[in-house]
């Protein structure tokens, strides 16, 4: 447990990051969301990873699913089952459409 999470647990703040009430994987905790699409259980997002000063940000495409454990806590994982691959690819296409639509309006 990091010091930050330790302090958050003492104060009573949630230690898990969420987007729209859904948990996100720990790998994107420090990234800024550009666009995120949620399905029933699956989510896909494009996140900006800040680099050193003056450099353009890198973009990370992440697909994850949420699940509930025995203690009724909701978690996010980037491990997908075989039958979840096609729906994730459709969500990635939708992200691409949203990004291209945002580029044409900007």
PDB file of N, CA and C in Angstrom:
ATOM      1  N   UNK A   1       0.849  -1.170   0.000  1.00  0.00           N
ATOM      2  CA  UNK A   1       0.000   0.000   0.000  1.00  0.00           C
ATOM      3  C   UNK A   1       0.894   1.231   0.000  1.00  0.00           C
ATOM      4  N   UNK A   2       0.625   2.155  -0.922  1.00  0.00           N
ATOM      5  CA  UNK A   2       1.415   3.370  -0.984  1.00  0.00           C
ATOM      6  C   UNK A   2       0.994   4.334   0.124  1.00  0.00           C
ATOM      7  N   UNK A   3       1.861   5.291   0.387  1.00  0.00           N
ATOM      8  CA  UNK A   3       1.570   6.282   1.425  1.00  0.00           C
ATOM      9  C   UNK A   3       0.307   7.069   1.077  1.00  0.00           C
ATOM     10  N   UNK A   4       0.149   7.363  -0.207  1.00  0.00           N
ATOM     11  CA  UNK A   4      -1.024   8.117  -0.659  1.00  0.00           C
ATOM     12  C   UNK A   4      -2.317   7.353  -0.366  1.00  0.00           C
ATOM     13  N   UNK A   5      -2.339   6.059  -0.705  1.00  0.00           N
ATOM     14  CA  UNK A   5      -3.522   5.246  -0.426  1.00  0.00           C
ATOM     15  C   UNK A   5      -3.747   5.086   1.067  1.00  0.00           C
ATOM     16  N   UNK A   6      -2.672   5.007   1.835  1.00  0.00           N
ATOM     17  CA  UNK A   6      -2.772   4.895   3.279  1.00  0.00           C
ATOM     18  C   UNK A   6      -3.454   6.136   3.863  1.00  0.00           C
ATOM     19  N   UNK A   7      -3.029   7.310   3.428  1.00  0.00           N
ATOM     20  CA  UNK A   7      -3.631   8.552   3.920  1.00  0.00           C
ATOM     21  C   UNK A   7      -5.084   8.647   3.475  1.00  0.00           C
ATOM     22  N   UNK A   8      -5.355   8.278   2.233  1.00  0.00           N
ATOM     23  CA  UNK A   8      -6.739   8.327   1.738  1.00  0.00           C
ATOM     24  C   UNK A   8      -7.648   7.402   2.539  1.00  0.00           C
ATOM     25  N   UNK A   9      -7.137   6.238   2.948  1.00  0.00           N
ATOM     26  CA  UNK A   9      -7.965   5.315   3.726  1.00  0.00           C
ATOM     27  C   UNK A   9      -8.208   5.847   5.129  1.00  0.00           C
ATOM     28  N   UNK A  10      -7.242   6.546   5.696  1.00  0.00           N
ATOM     29  CA  UNK A  10      -7.433   7.135   7.026  1.00  0.00           C
ATOM     30  C   UNK A  10      -8.468   8.245   6.971  1.00  0.00           C
ATOM     31  N   UNK A  11      -8.379   9.089   5.958  1.00  0.00           N
ATOM     32  CA  UNK A  11      -9.305  10.221   5.827  1.00  0.00           C
ATOM     33  C   UNK A  11     -10.697   9.747   5.440  1.00  0.00           C
ATOM     34  N   UNK A  12     -10.761   8.621   4.750  1.00  0.00           N
ATOM     35  CA  UNK A  12     -12.061   8.099   4.342  1.00  0.00           C
ATOM     36  C   UNK A  12     -12.374   8.335   2.881  1.00  0.00           C
ATOM     37  N   UNK A  13     -11.388   8.772   2.106  1.00  0.00           N
ATOM     38  CA  UNK A  13     -11.597   8.978   0.679  1.00  0.00           C
ATOM     39  C   UNK A  13     -11.410   7.657  -0.061  1.00  0.00           C
ATOM     40  N   UNK A  14     -12.126   7.475  -1.150  1.00  0.00           N
ATOM     41  CA  UNK A  14     -11.940   6.231  -1.903  1.00  0.00           C
ATOM     42  C   UNK A  14     -10.550   6.196  -2.533  1.00  0.00           C
ATOM     43  N   UNK A  15      -9.905   5.043  -2.478  1.00  0.00           N
ATOM     44  CA  UNK A  15      -8.556   4.924  -3.019  1.00  0.00           C
ATOM     45  C   UNK A  15      -8.557   4.470  -4.477  1.00  0.00           C
ATOM     46  N   UNK A  16      -9.674   4.019  -4.983  1.00  0.00           N
ATOM     47  CA  UNK A  16      -9.748   3.567  -6.367  1.00  0.00           C
ATOM     48  C   UNK A  16     -10.278   4.686  -7.248  1.00  0.00           C
ATOM     49  N   UNK A  17      -9.699   4.796  -8.434  1.00  0.00           N
ATOM     50  CA  UNK A  17     -10.141   5.806  -9.375  1.00  0.00           C
ATOM     51  C   UNK A  17     -11.310   5.258 -10.185  1.00  0.00           C
ATOM     52  N   UNK A  18     -12.291   6.100 -10.413  1.00  0.00           N
ATOM     53  CA  UNK A  18     -13.446   5.698 -11.197  1.00  0.00           C
ATOM     54  C   UNK A  18     -13.711   6.735 -12.281  1.00  0.00           C
ATOM     55  N   UNK A  19     -14.367   6.296 -13.336  1.00  0.00           N
ATOM     56  CA  UNK A  19     -14.863   7.162 -14.396  1.00  0.00           C
ATOM     57  C   UNK A  19     -16.336   6.843 -14.590  1.00  0.00           C
ATOM     58  N   UNK A  20     -17.170   7.805 -14.335  1.00  0.00           N
ATOM     59  CA  UNK A  20     -18.601   7.565 -14.465  1.00  0.00           C
ATOM     60  C   UNK A  20     -19.110   6.520 -13.498  1.00  0.00           C
ATOM     61  N   UNK A  21     -18.476   6.413 -12.329  1.00  0.00           N
ATOM     62  CA  UNK A  21     -18.897   5.450 -11.332  1.00  0.00           C
ATOM     63  C   UNK A  21     -18.352   4.052 -11.540  1.00  0.00           C
ATOM     64  N   UNK A  22     -17.549   3.844 -12.574  1.00  0.00           N
ATOM     65  CA  UNK A  22     -16.965   2.538 -12.844  1.00  0.00           C
ATOM     66  C   UNK A  22     -15.470   2.577 -12.573  1.00  0.00           C
ATOM     67  N   UNK A  23     -14.920   1.516 -11.991  1.00  0.00           N
ATOM     68  CA  UNK A  23     -13.477   1.506 -11.718  1.00  0.00           C
ATOM     69  C   UNK A  23     -12.666   1.420 -13.007  1.00  0.00           C
ATOM     70  N   UNK A  24     -11.457   1.980 -12.949  1.00  0.00           N
ATOM     71  CA  UNK A  24     -10.532   1.900 -14.082  1.00  0.00           C
ATOM     72  C   UNK A  24      -9.299   1.121 -13.638  1.00  0.00           C
ATOM     73  N   UNK A  25      -8.574   0.527 -14.570  1.00  0.00           N
ATOM     74  CA  UNK A  25      -7.368  -0.221 -14.193  1.00  0.00           C
ATOM     75  C   UNK A  25      -6.314   0.695 -13.564  1.00  0.00           C
ATOM     76  N   UNK A  26      -5.493   0.109 -12.731  1.00  0.00           N
ATOM     77  CA  UNK A  26      -4.447   0.877 -12.056  1.00  0.00           C
ATOM     78  C   UNK A  26      -3.419   1.422 -13.044  1.00  0.00           C
ATOM     79  N   UNK A  27      -3.296   0.803 -14.202  1.00  0.00           N
ATOM     80  CA  UNK A  27      -2.291   1.239 -15.179  1.00  0.00           C
ATOM     81  C   UNK A  27      -2.597   2.614 -15.766  1.00  0.00           C
ATOM     82  N   UNK A  28      -3.823   3.088 -15.650  1.00  0.00           N
ATOM     83  CA  UNK A  28      -4.171   4.409 -16.185  1.00  0.00           C
ATOM     84  C   UNK A  28      -4.540   5.388 -15.074  1.00  0.00           C
ATOM     85  N   UNK A  29      -4.139   5.093 -13.860  1.00  0.00           N
ATOM     86  CA  UNK A  29      -4.508   5.940 -12.727  1.00  0.00           C
ATOM     87  C   UNK A  29      -3.931   7.350 -12.839  1.00  0.00           C
ATOM     88  N   UNK A  30      -2.758   7.499 -13.427  1.00  0.00           N
ATOM     89  CA  UNK A  30      -2.122   8.811 -13.539  1.00  0.00           C
ATOM     90  C   UNK A  30      -2.326   9.451 -14.913  1.00  0.00           C
ATOM     91  N   UNK A  31      -3.178   8.875 -15.748  1.00  0.00           N
ATOM     92  CA  UNK A  31      -3.401   9.379 -17.101  1.00  0.00           C
ATOM     93  C   UNK A  31      -4.681  10.203 -17.163  1.00  0.00           C
ATOM     94  N   UNK A  32      -4.730  11.106 -18.138  1.00  0.00           N
ATOM     95  CA  UNK A  32      -5.907  11.947 -18.345  1.00  0.00           C
ATOM     96  C   UNK A  32      -6.795  11.309 -19.414  1.00  0.00           C
ATOM     97  N   UNK A  33      -8.078  11.072 -19.110  1.00  0.00           N
ATOM     98  CA  UNK A  33      -8.952  10.459 -20.119  1.00  0.00           C
ATOM     99  C   UNK A  33      -9.274  11.438 -21.243  1.00  0.00           C
ATOM    100  N   UNK A  34      -9.150  10.970 -22.487  1.00  0.00           N
ATOM    101  CA  UNK A  34      -9.497  11.771 -23.652  1.00  0.00           C
ATOM    102  C   UNK A  34     -10.907  11.402 -24.089  1.00  0.00           C
ATOM    103  N   UNK A  35     -11.154  10.127 -24.276  1.00  0.00           N
ATOM    104  CA  UNK A  35     -12.493   9.631 -24.558  1.00  0.00           C
ATOM    105  C   UNK A  35     -12.625   8.232 -23.962  1.00  0.00           C
ATOM    106  N   UNK A  36     -13.789   7.977 -23.383  1.00  0.00           N
ATOM    107  CA  UNK A  36     -14.057   6.685 -22.755  1.00  0.00           C
ATOM    108  C   UNK A  36     -15.462   6.252 -23.142  1.00  0.00           C
ATOM    109  N   UNK A  37     -15.594   4.986 -23.511  1.00  0.00           N
ATOM    110  CA  UNK A  37     -16.890   4.411 -23.869  1.00  0.00           C
ATOM    111  C   UNK A  37     -17.126   3.195 -22.990  1.00  0.00           C
ATOM    112  N   UNK A  38     -18.322   3.152 -22.395  1.00  0.00           N
ATOM    113  CA  UNK A  38     -18.694   2.021 -21.556  1.00  0.00           C
ATOM    114  C   UNK A  38     -19.785   1.216 -22.238  1.00  0.00           C
ATOM    115  N   UNK A  39     -19.645  -0.082 -22.161  1.00  0.00           N
ATOM    116  CA  UNK A  39     -20.687  -1.007 -22.576  1.00  0.00           C
ATOM    117  C   UNK A  39     -21.296  -1.552 -21.284  1.00  0.00           C
ATOM    118  N   UNK A  40     -22.037  -2.605 -21.369  1.00  0.00           N
ATOM    119  CA  UNK A  40     -22.623  -3.182 -20.167  1.00  0.00           C
ATOM    120  C   UNK A  40     -21.556  -3.559 -19.148  1.00  0.00           C
ATOM    121  N   UNK A  41     -20.562  -4.318 -19.549  1.00  0.00           N
ATOM    122  CA  UNK A  41     -19.490  -4.763 -18.664  1.00  0.00           C
ATOM    123  C   UNK A  41     -18.112  -4.331 -19.141  1.00  0.00           C
ATOM    124  N   UNK A  42     -18.009  -3.997 -20.416  1.00  0.00           N
ATOM    125  CA  UNK A  42     -16.719  -3.667 -21.018  1.00  0.00           C
ATOM    126  C   UNK A  42     -16.564  -2.162 -21.166  1.00  0.00           C
ATOM    127  N   UNK A  43     -15.322  -1.712 -21.153  1.00  0.00           N
ATOM    128  CA  UNK A  43     -15.019  -0.299 -21.347  1.00  0.00           C
ATOM    129  C   UNK A  43     -13.767  -0.182 -22.190  1.00  0.00           C
ATOM    130  N   UNK A  44     -13.715   0.881 -22.982  1.00  0.00           N
ATOM    131  CA  UNK A  44     -12.539   1.200 -23.783  1.00  0.00           C
ATOM    132  C   UNK A  44     -12.292   2.689 -23.635  1.00  0.00           C
ATOM    133  N   UNK A  45     -11.032   3.056 -23.482  1.00  0.00           N
ATOM    134  CA  UNK A  45     -10.715   4.462 -23.341  1.00  0.00           C
ATOM    135  C   UNK A  45      -9.405   4.817 -23.993  1.00  0.00           C
ATOM    136  N   UNK A  46      -9.312   6.071 -24.407  1.00  0.00           N
ATOM    137  CA  UNK A  46      -8.073   6.643 -24.897  1.00  0.00           C
ATOM    138  C   UNK A  46      -7.616   7.616 -23.822  1.00  0.00           C
ATOM    139  N   UNK A  47      -6.400   7.422 -23.335  1.00  0.00           N
ATOM    140  CA  UNK A  47      -5.865   8.223 -22.246  1.00  0.00           C
ATOM    141  C   UNK A  47      -4.600   8.920 -22.704  1.00  0.00           C
ATOM    142  N   UNK A  48      -4.399  10.157 -22.249  1.00  0.00           N
ATOM    143  CA  UNK A  48      -3.189  10.911 -22.553  1.00  0.00           C
ATOM    144  C   UNK A  48      -2.205  10.734 -21.407  1.00  0.00           C
ATOM    145  N   UNK A  49      -0.991  10.337 -21.747  1.00  0.00           N
ATOM    146  CA  UNK A  49       0.078  10.164 -20.769  1.00  0.00           C
ATOM    147  C   UNK A  49       0.995  11.362 -20.899  1.00  0.00           C
ATOM    148  N   UNK A  50       1.083  12.160 -19.841  1.00  0.00           N
ATOM    149  CA  UNK A  50       1.900  13.363 -19.880  1.00  0.00           C
ATOM    150  C   UNK A  50       3.378  13.012 -19.860  1.00  0.00           C
ATOM    151  N   UNK A  51       4.128  13.636 -20.767  1.00  0.00           N
ATOM    152  CA  UNK A  51       5.566  13.433 -20.804  1.00  0.00           C
ATOM    153  C   UNK A  51       6.253  14.635 -20.163  1.00  0.00           C
ATOM    154  N   UNK A  52       7.534  14.730 -20.375  1.00  0.00           N
ATOM    155  CA  UNK A  52       8.279  15.865 -19.840  1.00  0.00           C
ATOM    156  C   UNK A  52       7.764  17.170 -20.426  1.00  0.00           C
ATOM    157  N   UNK A  53       8.128  18.245 -19.788  1.00  0.00           N
ATOM    158  CA  UNK A  53       7.651  19.564 -20.227  1.00  0.00           C
ATOM    159  C   UNK A  53       8.008  19.826 -21.684  1.00  0.00           C
ATOM    160  N   UNK A  54       7.068  20.381 -22.396  1.00  0.00           N
ATOM    161  CA  UNK A  54       7.298  20.770 -23.771  1.00  0.00           C
ATOM    162  C   UNK A  54       7.080  19.684 -24.805  1.00  0.00           C
ATOM    163  N   UNK A  55       6.884  18.459 -24.397  1.00  0.00           N
ATOM    164  CA  UNK A  55       6.668  17.377 -25.352  1.00  0.00           C
ATOM    165  C   UNK A  55       5.180  17.087 -25.493  1.00  0.00           C
ATOM    166  N   UNK A  56       4.829  16.600 -26.645  1.00  0.00           N
ATOM    167  CA  UNK A  56       3.453  16.188 -26.891  1.00  0.00           C
ATOM    168  C   UNK A  56       3.123  14.967 -26.035  1.00  0.00           C
ATOM    169  N   UNK A  57       1.884  14.854 -25.561  1.00  0.00           N
ATOM    170  CA  UNK A  57       1.539  13.670 -24.759  1.00  0.00           C
ATOM    171  C   UNK A  57       1.452  12.420 -25.631  1.00  0.00           C
ATOM    172  N   UNK A  58       1.732  11.292 -25.016  1.00  0.00           N
ATOM    173  CA  UNK A  58       1.519  10.000 -25.666  1.00  0.00           C
ATOM    174  C   UNK A  58       0.094   9.565 -25.380  1.00  0.00           C
ATOM    175  N   UNK A  59      -0.465   8.758 -26.268  1.00  0.00           N
ATOM    176  CA  UNK A  59      -1.826   8.285 -26.071  1.00  0.00           C
ATOM    177  C   UNK A  59      -1.803   6.782 -25.854  1.00  0.00           C
ATOM    178  N   UNK A  60      -2.637   6.341 -24.939  1.00  0.00           N
ATOM    179  CA  UNK A  60      -2.713   4.933 -24.587  1.00  0.00           C
ATOM    180  C   UNK A  60      -4.169   4.481 -24.771  1.00  0.00           C
ATOM    181  N   UNK A  61      -4.358   3.406 -25.519  1.00  0.00           N
ATOM    182  CA  UNK A  61      -5.688   2.821 -25.702  1.00  0.00           C
ATOM    183  C   UNK A  61      -5.780   1.625 -24.755  1.00  0.00           C
ATOM    184  N   UNK A  62      -6.792   1.649 -23.894  1.00  0.00           N
ATOM    185  CA  UNK A  62      -6.932   0.612 -22.873  1.00  0.00           C
ATOM    186  C   UNK A  62      -8.349   0.041 -22.940  1.00  0.00           C
ATOM    187  N   UNK A  63      -8.431  -1.276 -22.925  1.00  0.00           N
ATOM    188  CA  UNK A  63      -9.717  -1.975 -22.843  1.00  0.00           C
ATOM    189  C   UNK A  63      -9.742  -2.744 -21.531  1.00  0.00           C
ATOM    190  N   UNK A  64     -10.867  -2.654 -20.812  1.00  0.00           N
ATOM    191  CA  UNK A  64     -10.968  -3.368 -19.551  1.00  0.00           C
ATOM    192  C   UNK A  64     -12.404  -3.798 -19.312  1.00  0.00           C
ATOM    193  N   UNK A  65     -12.535  -4.713 -18.386  1.00  0.00           N
ATOM    194  CA  UNK A  65     -13.859  -5.163 -17.972  1.00  0.00           C
ATOM    195  C   UNK A  65     -13.945  -5.042 -16.459  1.00  0.00           C
ATOM    196  N   UNK A  66     -15.138  -4.904 -15.969  1.00  0.00           N
ATOM    197  CA  UNK A  66     -15.350  -4.808 -14.531  1.00  0.00           C
ATOM    198  C   UNK A  66     -15.986  -6.094 -14.033  1.00  0.00           C
ATOM    199  N   UNK A  67     -15.688  -6.420 -12.799  1.00  0.00           N
ATOM    200  CA  UNK A  67     -16.282  -7.592 -12.171  1.00  0.00           C
ATOM    201  C   UNK A  67     -16.439  -7.308 -10.684  1.00  0.00           C
ATOM    202  N   UNK A  68     -17.295  -8.079 -10.034  1.00  0.00           N
ATOM    203  CA  UNK A  68     -17.550  -7.938  -8.612  1.00  0.00           C
ATOM    204  C   UNK A  68     -17.011  -9.165  -7.896  1.00  0.00           C
ATOM    205  N   UNK A  69     -16.249  -8.944  -6.831  1.00  0.00           N
ATOM    206  CA  UNK A  69     -15.679 -10.067  -6.093  1.00  0.00           C
ATOM    207  C   UNK A  69     -16.670 -10.560  -5.035  1.00  0.00           C
ATOM    208  N   UNK A  70     -16.244 -11.496  -4.225  1.00  0.00           N
ATOM    209  CA  UNK A  70     -17.141 -12.100  -3.226  1.00  0.00           C
ATOM    210  C   UNK A  70     -17.579 -11.108  -2.152  1.00  0.00           C
ATOM    211  N   UNK A  71     -16.755 -10.106  -1.902  1.00  0.00           N
ATOM    212  CA  UNK A  71     -17.098  -9.100  -0.895  1.00  0.00           C
ATOM    213  C   UNK A  71     -17.939  -7.971  -1.493  1.00  0.00           C
ATOM    214  N   UNK A  72     -18.428  -8.158  -2.715  1.00  0.00           N
ATOM    215  CA  UNK A  72     -19.281  -7.206  -3.425  1.00  0.00           C
ATOM    216  C   UNK A  72     -18.552  -5.906  -3.759  1.00  0.00           C
ATOM    217  N   UNK A  73     -17.230  -5.979  -3.935  1.00  0.00           N
ATOM    218  CA  UNK A  73     -16.448  -4.830  -4.368  1.00  0.00           C
ATOM    219  C   UNK A  73     -16.212  -4.947  -5.862  1.00  0.00           C
ATOM    220  N   UNK A  74     -16.357  -3.841  -6.552  1.00  0.00           N
ATOM    221  CA  UNK A  74     -16.187  -3.849  -7.991  1.00  0.00           C
ATOM    222  C   UNK A  74     -14.726  -3.558  -8.340  1.00  0.00           C
ATOM    223  N   UNK A  75     -14.180  -4.331  -9.285  1.00  0.00           N
ATOM    224  CA  UNK A  75     -12.794  -4.204  -9.707  1.00  0.00           C
ATOM    225  C   UNK A  75     -12.735  -4.072 -11.222  1.00  0.00           C
ATOM    226  N   UNK A  76     -11.585  -3.608 -11.712  1.00  0.00           N
ATOM    227  CA  UNK A  76     -11.347  -3.518 -13.153  1.00  0.00           C
ATOM    228  C   UNK A  76     -10.136  -4.368 -13.499  1.00  0.00           C
ATOM    229  N   UNK A  77     -10.222  -5.068 -14.614  1.00  0.00           N
ATOM    230  CA  UNK A  77      -9.107  -5.885 -15.079  1.00  0.00           C
ATOM    231  C   UNK A  77      -8.959  -5.719 -16.587  1.00  0.00           C
ATOM    232  N   UNK A  78      -7.732  -5.813 -17.063  1.00  0.00           N
ATOM    233  CA  UNK A  78      -7.488  -5.728 -18.501  1.00  0.00           C
ATOM    234  C   UNK A  78      -7.443  -7.105 -19.154  1.00  0.00           C
ATOM    235  N   UNK A  79      -7.652  -8.152 -18.382  1.00  0.00           N
ATOM    236  CA  UNK A  79      -7.721  -9.506 -18.932  1.00  0.00           C
ATOM    237  C   UNK A  79      -9.110  -9.742 -19.507  1.00  0.00           C
ATOM    238  N   UNK A  80      -9.148 -10.102 -20.762  1.00  0.00           N
ATOM    239  CA  UNK A  80     -10.428 -10.304 -21.441  1.00  0.00           C
ATOM    240  C   UNK A  80     -10.601 -11.772 -21.805  1.00  0.00           C
ATOM    241  N   UNK A  81     -11.855 -12.216 -21.839  1.00  0.00           N
ATOM    242  CA  UNK A  81     -12.178 -13.558 -22.304  1.00  0.00           C
ATOM    243  C   UNK A  81     -12.336 -13.534 -23.817  1.00  0.00           C
ATOM    244  N   UNK A  82     -12.291 -14.696 -24.424  1.00  0.00           N
ATOM    245  CA  UNK A  82     -12.356 -14.806 -25.878  1.00  0.00           C
ATOM    246  C   UNK A  82     -13.622 -14.173 -26.454  1.00  0.00           C
ATOM    247  N   UNK A  83     -14.753 -14.365 -25.812  1.00  0.00           N
ATOM    248  CA  UNK A  83     -16.010 -13.828 -26.340  1.00  0.00           C
ATOM    249  C   UNK A  83     -16.149 -12.320 -26.135  1.00  0.00           C
ATOM    250  N   UNK A  84     -15.202 -11.689 -25.455  1.00  0.00           N
ATOM    251  CA  UNK A  84     -15.261 -10.240 -25.232  1.00  0.00           C
ATOM    252  C   UNK A  84     -14.416  -9.460 -26.234  1.00  0.00           C
ATOM    253  N   UNK A  85     -13.675 -10.136 -27.089  1.00  0.00           N
ATOM    254  CA  UNK A  85     -12.768  -9.452 -28.004  1.00  0.00           C
ATOM    255  C   UNK A  85     -13.532  -8.684 -29.081  1.00  0.00           C
ATOM    256  N   UNK A  86     -14.518  -9.301 -29.721  1.00  0.00           N
ATOM    257  CA  UNK A  86     -15.278  -8.605 -30.765  1.00  0.00           C
ATOM    258  C   UNK A  86     -16.021  -7.383 -30.227  1.00  0.00           C
ATOM    259  N   UNK A  87     -16.710  -7.471 -29.083  1.00  0.00           N
ATOM    260  CA  UNK A  87     -17.343  -6.252 -28.553  1.00  0.00           C
ATOM    261  C   UNK A  87     -16.340  -5.147 -28.225  1.00  0.00           C
ATOM    262  N   UNK A  88     -15.151  -5.519 -27.764  1.00  0.00           N
ATOM    263  CA  UNK A  88     -14.129  -4.512 -27.464  1.00  0.00           C
ATOM    264  C   UNK A  88     -13.667  -3.833 -28.748  1.00  0.00           C
ATOM    265  N   UNK A  89     -13.510  -4.601 -29.821  1.00  0.00           N
ATOM    266  CA  UNK A  89     -13.099  -4.003 -31.094  1.00  0.00           C
ATOM    267  C   UNK A  89     -14.157  -3.043 -31.616  1.00  0.00           C
ATOM    268  N   UNK A  90     -15.433  -3.341 -31.407  1.00  0.00           N
ATOM    269  CA  UNK A  90     -16.497  -2.414 -31.801  1.00  0.00           C
ATOM    270  C   UNK A  90     -16.418  -1.125 -30.972  1.00  0.00           C
ATOM    271  N   UNK A  91     -16.101  -1.260 -29.682  1.00  0.00           N
ATOM    272  CA  UNK A  91     -15.951  -0.067 -28.844  1.00  0.00           C
ATOM    273  C   UNK A  91     -14.741   0.764 -29.268  1.00  0.00           C
ATOM    274  N   UNK A  92     -13.674   0.110 -29.701  1.00  0.00           N
ATOM    275  CA  UNK A  92     -12.502   0.839 -30.195  1.00  0.00           C
ATOM    276  C   UNK A  92     -12.860   1.615 -31.459  1.00  0.00           C
ATOM    277  N   UNK A  93     -13.653   1.020 -32.349  1.00  0.00           N
ATOM    278  CA  UNK A  93     -14.119   1.728 -33.545  1.00  0.00           C
ATOM    279  C   UNK A  93     -14.939   2.952 -33.165  1.00  0.00           C
ATOM    280  N   UNK A  94     -15.781   2.823 -32.162  1.00  0.00           N
ATOM    281  CA  UNK A  94     -16.590   3.955 -31.707  1.00  0.00           C
ATOM    282  C   UNK A  94     -15.702   5.057 -31.133  1.00  0.00           C
ATOM    283  N   UNK A  95     -14.651   4.686 -30.416  1.00  0.00           N
ATOM    284  CA  UNK A  95     -13.685   5.678 -29.911  1.00  0.00           C
ATOM    285  C   UNK A  95     -13.032   6.415 -31.077  1.00  0.00           C
ATOM    286  N   UNK A  96     -12.663   5.674 -32.125  1.00  0.00           N
ATOM    287  CA  UNK A  96     -12.036   6.298 -33.293  1.00  0.00           C
ATOM    288  C   UNK A  96     -12.999   7.275 -33.954  1.00  0.00           C
ATOM    289  N   UNK A  97     -14.279   6.906 -34.041  1.00  0.00           N
ATOM    290  CA  UNK A  97     -15.274   7.814 -34.625  1.00  0.00           C
ATOM    291  C   UNK A  97     -15.414   9.078 -33.791  1.00  0.00           C
ATOM    292  N   UNK A  98     -15.440   8.932 -32.483  1.00  0.00           N
ATOM    293  CA  UNK A  98     -15.555  10.107 -31.609  1.00  0.00           C
ATOM    294  C   UNK A  98     -14.348  11.022 -31.730  1.00  0.00           C
ATOM    295  N   UNK A  99     -13.154  10.426 -31.794  1.00  0.00           N
ATOM    296  CA  UNK A  99     -11.949  11.246 -31.920  1.00  0.00           C
ATOM    297  C   UNK A  99     -11.900  11.972 -33.260  1.00  0.00           C
ATOM    298  N   UNK A 100     -12.275  11.277 -34.339  1.00  0.00           N
ATOM    299  CA  UNK A 100     -12.249  11.936 -35.650  1.00  0.00           C
ATOM    300  C   UNK A 100     -13.323  13.017 -35.736  1.00  0.00           C
ATOM    301  N   UNK A 101     -14.471  12.800 -35.097  1.00  0.00           N
ATOM    302  CA  UNK A 101     -15.512  13.833 -35.075  1.00  0.00           C
ATOM    303  C   UNK A 101     -15.065  15.041 -34.260  1.00  0.00           C
ATOM    304  N   UNK A 102     -14.341  14.801 -33.185  1.00  0.00           N
ATOM    305  CA  UNK A 102     -13.834  15.911 -32.359  1.00  0.00           C
ATOM    306  C   UNK A 102     -12.762  16.691 -33.117  1.00  0.00           C
ATOM    307  N   UNK A 103     -11.946  15.994 -33.927  1.00  0.00           N
ATOM    308  CA  UNK A 103     -10.901  16.671 -34.704  1.00  0.00           C
ATOM    309  C   UNK A 103     -11.490  17.561 -35.783  1.00  0.00           C
ATOM    310  N   UNK A 104     -12.595  17.143 -36.401  1.00  0.00           N
ATOM    311  CA  UNK A 104     -13.194  17.945 -37.466  1.00  0.00           C
ATOM    312  C   UNK A 104     -13.919  19.152 -36.912  1.00  0.00           C
ATOM    313  N   UNK A 105     -14.438  19.088 -35.689  1.00  0.00           N
ATOM    314  CA  UNK A 105     -15.126  20.239 -35.103  1.00  0.00           C
ATOM    315  C   UNK A 105     -14.162  21.216 -34.459  1.00  0.00           C
ATOM    316  N   UNK A 106     -12.967  20.772 -34.145  1.00  0.00           N
ATOM    317  CA  UNK A 106     -11.994  21.665 -33.483  1.00  0.00           C
ATOM    318  C   UNK A 106     -11.261  22.545 -34.468  1.00  0.00           C
TER     319      UNK A 106
END
